[in-house]
Amino acid sequence: MDYDRIADLPLEIESVSTERKSRDTSSEFTRVTTLISLAGPGGDSADDRSSGIGEDVTYEADHHDALASTGLPDLTGEYTVDSFSTRLEDVDLFSGDAPDREVFRNYRRWGVESAALDLALRQAGTDLASRLERSLEPVTFVASTRLGDPPTVDRLEALRERVPDLAFKLDPTPSWDEELIEAIGEAVGTDAIRILDLKGQYEGTEVDVPTDPDLYERVIEAFPEAVLEDPALTDETERLFDDPDVRSRTSWDAPIHGLEDVEALPWEPGWLNVKPSRFGSLESLFETIAHCDERGIRLYGGGQFELGVGRGQLQTIASLCYPDGPNDVAPRAYNEATVGDGLPASPLEPPVDPAGFRWTAD
């Protein structure tokens, strides 16, 4: 990914607006995000060539409520994509509403920068694939789902009934006993479990999972092909990752906010989960993807329950950079609280006539 190919794109912003969105999810919480719209000359709707849209995926609803009340700072003016990014380094996008977690600043900045890129591409009459001189490829995706409390295979079976070849990303917890693991294998096959998110790198969040060496050992053995995401490396678990085969299928997600974090990992990774919002800026994201390409580090995309254009932007990046990975960027219908009919199957076909930085017109 060559950032220079987009850095000098001209960008003219005449107005800024936001739209709060909310929806119940399959993970039993209400997701709130904010769509950020930047309009240039003549831009008066989301479908207009002179309107760019991004999505702020900050997790706390209170921050979205505050943004709906105060709006964003004045960002109007004439820029390039790169000079606009530089401008954001000196702007408080939270306007005094200090975020609960520092990474939320990256999330909001990504929402603004992705909207700026969308607008700049549209004002130039082009799309991201064309500008990067890359082709959009069909995107392989997995369904990320939890198994409930107590955990059962019911949702896995319901999803497989509708999409027979569907693969999965699951979040093991200490309640996963041998009986449940065997039931997962019987329901969908062990090879259908492409990623096991151990969530060992989160601290002080609602998704923290206690570190359980016995659980790690059980799932490493039971799902020998699965990518192992974000293990906690402790005195009790580290021995499991001395095995080169286990290390080669270990991936990192939560700690990665830029190239420095990749280089600071305990060993050169075999895999990385790329969540663009964690990087904040386009330049940081592009730099990290380029480094991984050079080093042969395999990538897959990660989602954050996007409710609008943000999901399609993740699919666009996956399509351009890692289309064959176990991408956790399934269409939004997979995040609905109830398993519905008509779910798209993997791979996801790219748009025939792309525009700007979007997968579809939404």
Protein backbone atom coordinates (compact mmCIF):
# COMPACT_ATOMS: atom_id res chain seq x y z
CA MET A 1 0.00 0.00 0.00
CA ASP A 2 1.64 3.20 -1.20
CA TYR A 3 0.41 6.18 0.79
CA ASP A 4 2.01 8.55 -1.71
CA ARG A 5 -0.63 7.52 -4.25
CA ILE A 6 -3.35 9.22 -2.19
CA ALA A 7 -1.38 11.79 -0.17
CA ASP A 8 -1.50 14.56 -2.77
CA LEU A 9 -5.17 14.20 -3.73
CA PRO A 10 -6.82 17.65 -3.54
CA LEU A 11 -9.60 17.99 -0.97
CA GLU A 12 -12.11 20.83 -0.52
CA ILE A 13 -14.48 20.80 2.46
CA GLU A 14 -17.36 23.25 2.75
CA SER A 15 -19.37 21.68 5.58
CA VAL A 16 -19.23 18.95 8.22
CA SER A 17 -22.15 16.99 9.69
CA THR A 18 -22.74 13.91 11.84
CA GLU A 19 -25.45 11.27 12.23
CA ARG A 20 -25.80 9.08 15.33
CA LYS A 21 -26.74 5.43 14.63
CA SER A 22 -27.80 2.66 17.03
CA ARG A 23 -28.64 -1.05 16.73
CA ASP A 24 -28.87 -4.16 18.93
CA THR A 25 -26.25 -6.78 18.06
CA SER A 26 -25.68 -10.52 18.19
CA SER A 27 -23.25 -9.98 21.09
CA GLU A 28 -26.10 -8.77 23.30
CA PHE A 29 -25.24 -5.09 23.46
CA THR A 30 -26.53 -1.98 21.76
CA ARG A 31 -23.98 -0.61 19.31
CA VAL A 32 -23.81 3.13 18.79
CA THR A 33 -21.66 4.76 16.10
CA THR A 34 -21.57 8.12 14.33
CA LEU A 35 -21.46 8.71 10.59
CA ILE A 36 -19.24 11.66 9.68
CA SER A 37 -20.06 13.51 6.45
CA LEU A 38 -17.74 16.01 4.77
CA ALA A 39 -19.32 17.94 1.89
CA GLY A 40 -17.49 19.83 -0.82
CA PRO A 41 -18.79 22.22 -3.46
CA GLY A 42 -22.23 21.09 -4.62
CA GLY A 43 -22.43 18.29 -2.08
CA ASP A 44 -25.82 18.01 -0.40
CA SER A 45 -26.48 14.27 0.03
CA ALA A 46 -24.72 11.01 0.87
CA ASP A 47 -24.99 9.91 -2.76
CA ASP A 48 -23.50 13.10 -4.14
CA ARG A 49 -20.08 12.91 -5.75
CA SER A 50 -19.00 15.79 -3.53
CA SER A 51 -19.91 14.16 -0.20
CA GLY A 52 -17.52 11.88 1.70
CA ILE A 53 -18.57 9.64 4.59
CA GLY A 54 -16.69 7.86 7.37
CA GLU A 55 -17.73 6.18 10.62
CA ASP A 56 -16.60 6.79 14.20
CA VAL A 57 -16.66 3.41 15.98
CA THR A 58 -15.90 4.68 19.49
CA TYR A 59 -17.54 2.19 21.86
CA GLU A 60 -19.05 4.40 24.58
CA ALA A 61 -22.50 5.73 23.68
CA ASP A 62 -21.97 8.82 25.86
CA HIS A 63 -19.21 10.01 23.52
CA HIS A 64 -21.55 9.75 20.54
CA ASP A 65 -24.24 11.63 22.46
CA ALA A 66 -21.75 14.39 23.22
CA LEU A 67 -20.69 14.55 19.57
CA ALA A 68 -24.32 14.81 18.47
CA SER A 69 -24.68 17.77 20.82
CA THR A 70 -21.48 19.67 20.08
CA GLY A 71 -20.57 18.57 16.55
CA LEU A 72 -17.04 18.43 15.21
CA PRO A 73 -14.64 21.40 15.09
CA ASP A 74 -14.50 23.55 11.96
CA LEU A 75 -12.64 21.47 9.36
CA THR A 76 -13.61 23.46 6.29
CA GLY A 77 -10.95 24.57 3.85
CA GLU A 78 -8.78 23.44 0.97
CA TYR A 79 -6.22 20.70 1.57
CA THR A 80 -4.57 17.61 0.21
CA VAL A 81 -5.34 14.29 1.92
CA ASP A 82 -1.94 14.52 3.62
CA SER A 83 -2.22 18.14 4.75
CA PHE A 84 -5.70 17.42 6.12
CA SER A 85 -4.26 14.53 8.14
CA THR A 86 -1.58 16.88 9.47
CA ARG A 87 -4.31 19.35 10.45
CA LEU A 88 -6.05 16.65 12.51
CA GLU A 89 -2.93 16.20 14.64
CA ASP A 90 -3.64 19.62 16.17
CA VAL A 91 -7.43 19.33 16.49
CA ASP A 92 -9.34 17.98 19.51
CA LEU A 93 -12.06 15.90 17.88
CA PHE A 94 -13.64 15.28 21.29
CA SER A 95 -14.06 19.02 22.04
CA GLY A 96 -13.37 18.70 25.75
CA ASP A 97 -15.27 15.41 26.14
CA ALA A 98 -12.17 13.45 27.19
CA PRO A 99 -12.48 9.86 25.90
CA ASP A 100 -12.66 6.96 28.35
CA ARG A 101 -9.83 5.24 26.49
CA GLU A 102 -7.06 6.92 24.54
CA VAL A 103 -7.57 4.62 21.54
CA PHE A 104 -10.97 6.26 21.02
CA ARG A 105 -9.08 9.28 19.66
CA ASN A 106 -7.79 7.03 16.86
CA TYR A 107 -11.30 5.69 16.23
CA ARG A 108 -12.73 9.16 15.73
CA ARG A 109 -9.77 10.34 13.68
CA TRP A 110 -10.18 7.33 11.41
CA GLY A 111 -13.85 8.24 10.95
CA VAL A 112 -12.85 11.74 9.83
CA GLU A 113 -9.88 10.68 7.67
CA SER A 114 -11.84 7.95 5.91
CA ALA A 115 -14.56 10.50 5.12
CA ALA A 116 -11.89 12.86 3.76
CA LEU A 117 -10.42 10.14 1.55
CA ASP A 118 -13.89 9.26 0.26
CA LEU A 119 -14.54 12.91 -0.56
CA ALA A 120 -11.15 13.51 -2.18
CA LEU A 121 -11.52 10.45 -4.42
CA ARG A 122 -15.02 11.51 -5.45
CA GLN A 123 -13.92 15.05 -6.17
CA ALA A 124 -11.21 13.55 -8.40
CA GLY A 125 -13.77 11.33 -10.11
CA THR A 126 -12.02 8.11 -9.11
CA ASP A 127 -12.01 5.28 -6.54
CA LEU A 128 -9.42 3.84 -4.18
CA ALA A 129 -8.60 0.77 -6.26
CA SER A 130 -7.91 2.85 -9.35
CA ARG A 131 -5.80 5.34 -7.43
CA LEU A 132 -3.68 2.56 -5.89
CA GLU A 133 -3.53 0.67 -9.19
CA ARG A 134 -4.82 -2.47 -7.50
CA SER A 135 -7.79 -4.66 -8.36
CA LEU A 136 -10.76 -5.34 -6.12
CA GLU A 137 -10.94 -9.08 -5.44
CA PRO A 138 -13.72 -11.20 -3.88
CA VAL A 139 -13.44 -11.08 -0.08
CA THR A 140 -13.38 -14.29 1.92
CA PHE A 141 -15.06 -13.69 5.28
CA VAL A 142 -15.89 -15.49 8.51
CA ALA A 143 -18.80 -14.97 10.87
CA SER A 144 -17.79 -13.73 14.30
CA THR A 145 -20.22 -14.88 16.97
CA ARG A 146 -20.42 -15.67 20.65
CA LEU A 147 -21.95 -18.88 21.94
CA GLY A 148 -24.00 -17.44 24.82
CA ASP A 149 -23.97 -17.99 28.56
CA PRO A 150 -24.00 -20.88 29.14
CA PRO A 151 -22.40 -21.54 25.75
CA THR A 152 -24.19 -23.71 23.18
CA VAL A 153 -23.79 -24.42 19.48
CA ASP A 154 -27.30 -23.19 18.68
CA ARG A 155 -26.25 -20.03 16.82
CA LEU A 156 -23.55 -21.91 14.89
CA GLU A 157 -26.14 -24.42 13.73
CA ALA A 158 -28.63 -21.69 12.82
CA LEU A 159 -26.02 -19.86 10.73
CA ARG A 160 -24.86 -23.06 9.02
CA GLU A 161 -28.45 -23.94 8.11
CA ARG A 162 -28.61 -20.73 6.10
CA VAL A 163 -25.02 -20.66 4.80
CA PRO A 164 -23.76 -24.28 4.63
CA ASP A 165 -20.04 -23.57 4.06
CA LEU A 166 -19.75 -20.69 6.52
CA ALA A 167 -16.54 -20.44 8.58
CA PHE A 168 -16.27 -18.82 11.99
CA LYS A 169 -14.31 -16.66 14.40
CA LEU A 170 -15.10 -17.62 18.00
CA ASP A 171 -14.21 -16.24 21.44
CA PRO A 172 -13.30 -19.11 23.78
CA THR A 173 -14.03 -18.63 27.49
CA PRO A 174 -13.14 -20.73 30.55
CA SER A 175 -16.64 -22.27 30.37
CA TRP A 176 -15.62 -24.08 27.17
CA ASP A 177 -15.28 -27.63 28.45
CA GLU A 178 -14.43 -30.75 26.47
CA GLU A 179 -18.09 -31.48 25.87
CA LEU A 180 -18.73 -28.09 24.25
CA ILE A 181 -15.58 -28.29 22.14
CA GLU A 182 -16.66 -31.70 20.88
CA ALA A 183 -20.14 -30.30 20.12
CA ILE A 184 -18.60 -27.48 18.05
CA GLY A 185 -16.67 -30.02 16.02
CA GLU A 186 -19.79 -32.10 15.44
CA ALA A 187 -21.90 -29.08 14.51
CA VAL A 188 -19.64 -27.38 11.98
CA GLY A 189 -16.33 -29.30 11.85
CA THR A 190 -13.10 -28.17 13.50
CA ASP A 191 -11.72 -26.86 10.20
CA ALA A 192 -14.59 -24.34 10.02
CA ILE A 193 -13.18 -22.53 13.05
CA ARG A 194 -10.70 -20.20 11.38
CA ILE A 195 -9.93 -17.85 14.30
CA LEU A 196 -10.03 -18.27 18.08
CA ASP A 197 -9.95 -14.86 19.76
CA LEU A 198 -8.50 -15.47 23.22
CA LYS A 199 -8.93 -11.78 24.16
CA GLY A 200 -5.91 -11.94 26.42
CA GLN A 201 -4.66 -8.47 25.46
CA TYR A 202 -7.64 -6.50 26.74
CA GLU A 203 -7.58 -4.86 30.16
CA GLY A 204 -10.43 -3.13 31.90
CA THR A 205 -13.00 -3.66 29.14
CA GLU A 206 -16.29 -5.53 28.97
CA VAL A 207 -14.75 -8.16 26.68
CA ASP A 208 -11.85 -9.14 28.96
CA VAL A 209 -11.45 -12.92 29.25
CA PRO A 210 -9.56 -14.39 32.24
CA THR A 211 -6.34 -16.12 31.26
CA ASP A 212 -6.84 -19.88 31.59
CA PRO A 213 -3.86 -22.09 30.62
CA ASP A 214 -6.09 -25.18 30.54
CA LEU A 215 -8.48 -23.48 28.11
CA TYR A 216 -5.59 -22.44 25.88
CA GLU A 217 -4.28 -26.00 25.82
CA ARG A 218 -7.71 -27.43 25.05
CA VAL A 219 -8.43 -25.17 22.07
CA ILE A 220 -4.89 -25.29 20.66
CA GLU A 221 -5.19 -29.07 20.48
CA ALA A 222 -8.84 -29.26 19.41
CA PHE A 223 -8.57 -26.72 16.56
CA PRO A 224 -5.12 -27.35 15.06
CA GLU A 225 -5.67 -25.12 12.00
CA ALA A 226 -7.21 -22.11 13.75
CA VAL A 227 -5.44 -18.77 14.07
CA LEU A 228 -4.89 -17.96 17.76
CA GLU A 229 -5.59 -14.29 18.34
CA ASP A 230 -4.35 -12.16 21.26
CA PRO A 231 -3.14 -14.72 23.79
CA ALA A 232 -2.01 -13.48 27.19
CA LEU A 233 1.60 -14.54 27.64
CA THR A 234 2.05 -15.44 31.29
CA ASP A 235 4.29 -17.82 33.22
CA GLU A 236 1.54 -20.42 32.85
CA THR A 237 0.74 -19.94 29.15
CA GLU A 238 4.06 -18.99 27.58
CA ARG A 239 5.26 -22.59 27.37
CA LEU A 240 2.41 -23.34 24.95
CA PHE A 241 3.78 -20.75 22.53
CA ASP A 242 7.32 -22.10 22.55
CA ASP A 243 6.14 -24.53 19.88
CA PRO A 244 7.06 -23.00 16.47
CA ASP A 245 3.85 -24.32 14.90
CA VAL A 246 1.73 -22.62 17.56
CA ARG A 247 3.70 -19.38 17.20
CA SER A 248 3.24 -19.43 13.43
CA ARG A 249 -0.54 -19.36 13.82
CA THR A 250 -0.62 -16.76 16.58
CA SER A 251 -2.12 -13.39 15.66
CA TRP A 252 -2.33 -9.99 17.31
CA ASP A 253 -5.12 -7.44 17.31
CA ALA A 254 -5.70 -5.24 20.38
CA PRO A 255 -2.05 -4.17 20.83
CA ILE A 256 -1.64 -3.01 17.21
CA HIS A 257 -2.04 0.72 16.57
CA GLY A 258 0.83 1.21 14.15
CA LEU A 259 4.13 -0.14 12.87
CA GLU A 260 5.95 0.45 16.16
CA ASP A 261 3.55 -1.95 17.88
CA VAL A 262 4.18 -4.64 15.25
CA GLU A 263 7.93 -4.30 15.74
CA ALA A 264 7.53 -4.47 19.54
CA LEU A 265 5.76 -7.85 19.56
CA PRO A 266 7.51 -10.70 21.42
CA TRP A 267 8.30 -12.42 18.11
CA GLU A 268 7.74 -11.54 14.46
CA PRO A 269 4.11 -12.44 13.93
CA GLY A 270 2.77 -14.96 11.48
CA TRP A 271 -0.58 -13.16 11.39
CA LEU A 272 -2.10 -9.78 12.20
CA ASN A 273 -5.71 -8.65 12.51
CA VAL A 274 -5.96 -5.24 10.81
CA LYS A 275 -8.58 -2.94 12.31
CA PRO A 276 -8.07 0.35 10.42
CA SER A 277 -9.72 2.48 13.11
CA ARG A 278 -7.03 1.47 15.61
CA PHE A 279 -4.42 3.17 13.43
CA GLY A 280 -6.17 6.53 13.34
CA SER A 281 -4.45 7.83 10.23
CA LEU A 282 -4.38 6.55 6.67
CA GLU A 283 -0.61 6.94 6.59
CA SER A 284 -0.11 4.69 9.64
CA LEU A 285 -2.42 2.03 8.21
CA PHE A 286 -0.77 2.04 4.77
CA GLU A 287 2.72 1.97 6.29
CA THR A 288 1.89 -1.06 8.44
CA ILE A 289 0.27 -3.01 5.61
CA ALA A 290 3.30 -2.32 3.38
CA HIS A 291 5.66 -3.56 6.11
CA CYS A 292 3.66 -6.77 6.52
CA ASP A 293 3.65 -7.35 2.76
CA GLU A 294 7.44 -6.99 2.71
CA ARG A 295 7.92 -9.34 5.68
CA GLY A 296 5.43 -12.00 4.57
CA ILE A 297 3.16 -11.42 7.57
CA ARG A 298 -0.31 -12.67 6.72
CA LEU A 299 -3.22 -10.30 7.30
CA TYR A 300 -6.95 -10.38 7.74
CA GLY A 301 -9.44 -7.63 8.41
CA GLY A 302 -11.31 -7.09 11.66
CA GLY A 303 -14.64 -5.39 12.24
CA GLN A 304 -16.12 -3.47 15.15
CA PHE A 305 -19.87 -3.80 14.63
CA GLU A 306 -19.98 -0.93 12.14
CA LEU A 307 -23.52 0.24 11.41
CA GLY A 308 -22.89 2.20 8.23
CA VAL A 309 -20.29 2.98 5.60
CA GLY A 310 -17.43 1.85 7.87
CA ARG A 311 -18.16 -1.82 7.23
CA GLY A 312 -17.85 -1.40 3.49
CA GLN A 313 -14.60 0.51 3.88
CA LEU A 314 -13.14 -2.46 5.79
CA GLN A 315 -14.32 -4.75 3.01
CA THR A 316 -12.70 -2.47 0.44
CA ILE A 317 -9.31 -2.60 2.20
CA ALA A 318 -9.58 -6.37 2.58
CA SER A 319 -10.46 -6.70 -1.10
CA LEU A 320 -7.39 -4.70 -2.11
CA CYS A 321 -4.86 -6.11 0.35
CA TYR A 322 -5.81 -9.48 1.90
CA PRO A 323 -8.89 -10.86 0.11
CA ASP A 324 -8.15 -14.51 0.89
CA GLY A 325 -7.63 -14.09 4.64
CA PRO A 326 -10.16 -15.19 7.28
CA ASN A 327 -11.60 -11.68 7.27
CA ASP A 328 -13.87 -10.76 10.16
CA VAL A 329 -15.73 -8.31 7.92
CA ALA A 330 -18.93 -10.23 7.19
CA PRO A 331 -21.86 -8.17 5.89
CA ARG A 332 -23.72 -6.33 8.65
CA ALA A 333 -26.64 -8.79 8.59
CA TYR A 334 -24.42 -11.29 10.42
CA ASN A 335 -24.32 -8.96 13.44
CA GLU A 336 -28.09 -8.87 13.88
CA ALA A 337 -29.35 -10.23 17.19
CA THR A 338 -31.55 -12.78 15.37
CA VAL A 339 -30.26 -15.03 12.59
CA GLY A 340 -32.21 -14.03 9.50
CA ASP A 341 -32.73 -15.44 6.03
CA GLY A 342 -30.91 -14.37 2.88
CA LEU A 343 -27.46 -14.06 4.44
CA PRO A 344 -24.73 -13.50 1.81
CA ALA A 345 -22.24 -16.34 1.36
CA SER A 346 -18.46 -15.98 1.28
CA PRO A 347 -16.69 -14.73 -0.78
CA LEU A 348 -18.22 -11.29 -1.06
CA GLU A 349 -18.15 -10.04 -4.63
CA PRO A 350 -16.69 -6.55 -5.16
CA PRO A 351 -18.73 -3.71 -6.65
CA VAL A 352 -18.80 -3.53 -10.44
CA ASP A 353 -18.60 0.27 -10.55
CA PRO A 354 -16.80 1.48 -7.38
CA ALA A 355 -16.63 5.15 -6.43
CA GLY A 356 -14.66 6.93 -3.75
CA PHE A 357 -13.80 4.91 -0.65
CA ARG A 358 -16.92 2.78 -0.33
CA TRP A 359 -18.01 -0.78 -1.03
CA THR A 360 -21.57 0.28 -1.83
CA ALA A 361 -23.41 3.59 -2.04
CA ASP A 362 -24.48 3.46 1.65
